[in-house]
């Protein structure tokens, strides 16, 4: 008795599962994380003009203190403290 191949494709259930697993891996591998920064966030990260002016003032005060030329105006300090704790209504 002789059995010949009648053009029946081979059936391998393990291979079909393997192909499905490879496809899902490829689909997940294509997806990547992205980061998009909005215009508003970029503007917030830039230094403001107020910050640069404050830094200049602080550096000038530091230089005066280190040189020993910084003098506190006691009357101005007292009036600022009173104005802070008792604001005008």
C-alpha atoms as a PDB file:
ATOM      1  CA  UNK A   1       0.000   0.000   0.000  1.00  0.00           C
ATOM      2  CA  UNK A   2       1.411   3.341  -1.065  1.00  0.00           C
ATOM      3  CA  UNK A   3       0.239   6.669   0.422  1.00  0.00           C
ATOM      4  CA  UNK A   4       0.892   9.773  -1.598  1.00  0.00           C
ATOM      5  CA  UNK A   5       0.545  13.409  -0.730  1.00  0.00           C
ATOM      6  CA  UNK A   6      -2.730  14.706  -2.140  1.00  0.00           C
ATOM      7  CA  UNK A   7      -1.773  18.407  -1.849  1.00  0.00           C
ATOM      8  CA  UNK A   8      -3.144  18.722   1.660  1.00  0.00           C
ATOM      9  CA  UNK A   9      -1.479  21.604   3.471  1.00  0.00           C
ATOM     10  CA  UNK A  10       0.169  20.654   6.730  1.00  0.00           C
ATOM     11  CA  UNK A  11      -1.754  21.705   9.839  1.00  0.00           C
ATOM     12  CA  UNK A  12       0.266  22.819  12.802  1.00  0.00           C
ATOM     13  CA  UNK A  13      -1.786  24.397  15.612  1.00  0.00           C
ATOM     14  CA  UNK A  14       1.358  25.437  17.468  1.00  0.00           C
ATOM     15  CA  UNK A  15       2.559  27.437  14.503  1.00  0.00           C
ATOM     16  CA  UNK A  16      -0.692  29.420  14.297  1.00  0.00           C
ATOM     17  CA  UNK A  17      -0.402  30.334  17.973  1.00  0.00           C
ATOM     18  CA  UNK A  18       3.206  31.301  17.460  1.00  0.00           C
ATOM     19  CA  UNK A  19       2.278  33.563  14.546  1.00  0.00           C
ATOM     20  CA  UNK A  20      -0.442  35.241  16.623  1.00  0.00           C
ATOM     21  CA  UNK A  21       2.008  35.845  19.475  1.00  0.00           C
ATOM     22  CA  UNK A  22       4.555  37.354  17.101  1.00  0.00           C
ATOM     23  CA  UNK A  23       1.927  39.678  15.646  1.00  0.00           C
ATOM     24  CA  UNK A  24       0.898  40.950  19.071  1.00  0.00           C
ATOM     25  CA  UNK A  25       4.540  41.490  20.017  1.00  0.00           C
ATOM     26  CA  UNK A  26       5.088  43.487  16.842  1.00  0.00           C
ATOM     27  CA  UNK A  27       2.012  45.601  17.512  1.00  0.00           C
ATOM     28  CA  UNK A  28       3.109  46.409  21.052  1.00  0.00           C
ATOM     29  CA  UNK A  29       6.687  47.052  19.967  1.00  0.00           C
ATOM     30  CA  UNK A  30       5.563  49.720  17.514  1.00  0.00           C
ATOM     31  CA  UNK A  31       3.839  51.788  20.189  1.00  0.00           C
ATOM     32  CA  UNK A  32       6.232  54.119  21.995  1.00  0.00           C
ATOM     33  CA  UNK A  33       5.785  56.718  24.680  1.00  0.00           C
ATOM     34  CA  UNK A  34       5.737  60.320  23.575  1.00  0.00           C
ATOM     35  CA  UNK A  35       6.021  63.573  25.427  1.00  0.00           C
ATOM     36  CA  UNK A  36       4.475  66.747  24.096  1.00  0.00           C
ATOM     37  CA  UNK A  37       5.011  70.020  25.923  1.00  0.00           C
ATOM     38  CA  UNK A  38       2.391  72.681  25.336  1.00  0.00           C
ATOM     39  CA  UNK A  39       3.168  76.277  24.469  1.00  0.00           C
ATOM     40  CA  UNK A  40       1.912  77.400  27.867  1.00  0.00           C
ATOM     41  CA  UNK A  41       4.228  75.004  29.676  1.00  0.00           C
ATOM     42  CA  UNK A  42       7.173  76.243  27.623  1.00  0.00           C
ATOM     43  CA  UNK A  43       6.303  79.823  28.527  1.00  0.00           C
ATOM     44  CA  UNK A  44       6.128  78.902  32.213  1.00  0.00           C
ATOM     45  CA  UNK A  45       9.566  77.314  32.080  1.00  0.00           C
ATOM     46  CA  UNK A  46      11.160  80.475  30.659  1.00  0.00           C
ATOM     47  CA  UNK A  47      12.465  82.968  33.229  1.00  0.00           C
ATOM     48  CA  UNK A  48      10.178  85.966  33.652  1.00  0.00           C
ATOM     49  CA  UNK A  49      11.449  89.558  33.583  1.00  0.00           C
ATOM     50  CA  UNK A  50      10.476  89.916  37.248  1.00  0.00           C
ATOM     51  CA  UNK A  51      12.757  87.027  38.175  1.00  0.00           C
ATOM     52  CA  UNK A  52      15.708  88.520  36.313  1.00  0.00           C
ATOM     53  CA  UNK A  53      15.138  91.938  37.954  1.00  0.00           C
ATOM     54  CA  UNK A  54      14.921  90.277  41.384  1.00  0.00           C
ATOM     55  CA  UNK A  55      18.162  88.374  40.768  1.00  0.00           C
ATOM     56  CA  UNK A  56      19.918  91.607  39.801  1.00  0.00           C
ATOM     57  CA  UNK A  57      18.665  93.338  42.950  1.00  0.00           C
ATOM     58  CA  UNK A  58      19.718  90.409  45.164  1.00  0.00           C
ATOM     59  CA  UNK A  59      23.188  90.297  43.628  1.00  0.00           C
ATOM     60  CA  UNK A  60      23.578  94.062  44.152  1.00  0.00           C
ATOM     61  CA  UNK A  61      22.524  93.702  47.806  1.00  0.00           C
ATOM     62  CA  UNK A  62      24.954  90.805  48.292  1.00  0.00           C
ATOM     63  CA  UNK A  63      27.764  92.907  46.889  1.00  0.00           C
ATOM     64  CA  UNK A  64      26.906  95.795  49.233  1.00  0.00           C
ATOM     65  CA  UNK A  65      26.774  93.480  52.261  1.00  0.00           C
ATOM     66  CA  UNK A  66      30.113  91.857  51.394  1.00  0.00           C
ATOM     67  CA  UNK A  67      31.705  95.279  50.879  1.00  0.00           C
ATOM     68  CA  UNK A  68      30.246  96.540  54.171  1.00  0.00           C
ATOM     69  CA  UNK A  69      28.450  99.472  52.557  1.00  0.00           C
ATOM     70  CA  UNK A  70      24.872  98.268  53.082  1.00  0.00           C
ATOM     71  CA  UNK A  71      22.982 100.462  55.539  1.00  0.00           C
ATOM     72  CA  UNK A  72      19.473  99.796  56.813  1.00  0.00           C
ATOM     73  CA  UNK A  73      17.121 102.785  56.945  1.00  0.00           C
ATOM     74  CA  UNK A  74      15.391 102.166  60.272  1.00  0.00           C
ATOM     75  CA  UNK A  75      12.511 104.605  59.636  1.00  0.00           C
ATOM     76  CA  UNK A  76      11.756 103.092  56.235  1.00  0.00           C
ATOM     77  CA  UNK A  77      11.873  99.581  57.693  1.00  0.00           C
ATOM     78  CA  UNK A  78       9.511 100.526  60.519  1.00  0.00           C
ATOM     79  CA  UNK A  79       7.007 102.190  58.193  1.00  0.00           C
ATOM     80  CA  UNK A  80       7.091  99.166  55.840  1.00  0.00           C
ATOM     81  CA  UNK A  81       6.458  96.795  58.758  1.00  0.00           C
ATOM     82  CA  UNK A  82       3.547  98.901  60.032  1.00  0.00           C
ATOM     83  CA  UNK A  83       2.114  99.111  56.533  1.00  0.00           C
ATOM     84  CA  UNK A  84       2.386  95.351  56.154  1.00  0.00           C
ATOM     85  CA  UNK A  85       0.695  94.465  59.428  1.00  0.00           C
ATOM     86  CA  UNK A  86      -1.826  97.336  59.410  1.00  0.00           C
ATOM     87  CA  UNK A  87      -2.814  97.891  55.786  1.00  0.00           C
ATOM     88  CA  UNK A  88      -4.660 101.058  54.920  1.00  0.00           C
ATOM     89  CA  UNK A  89      -8.355 100.539  54.439  1.00  0.00           C
END
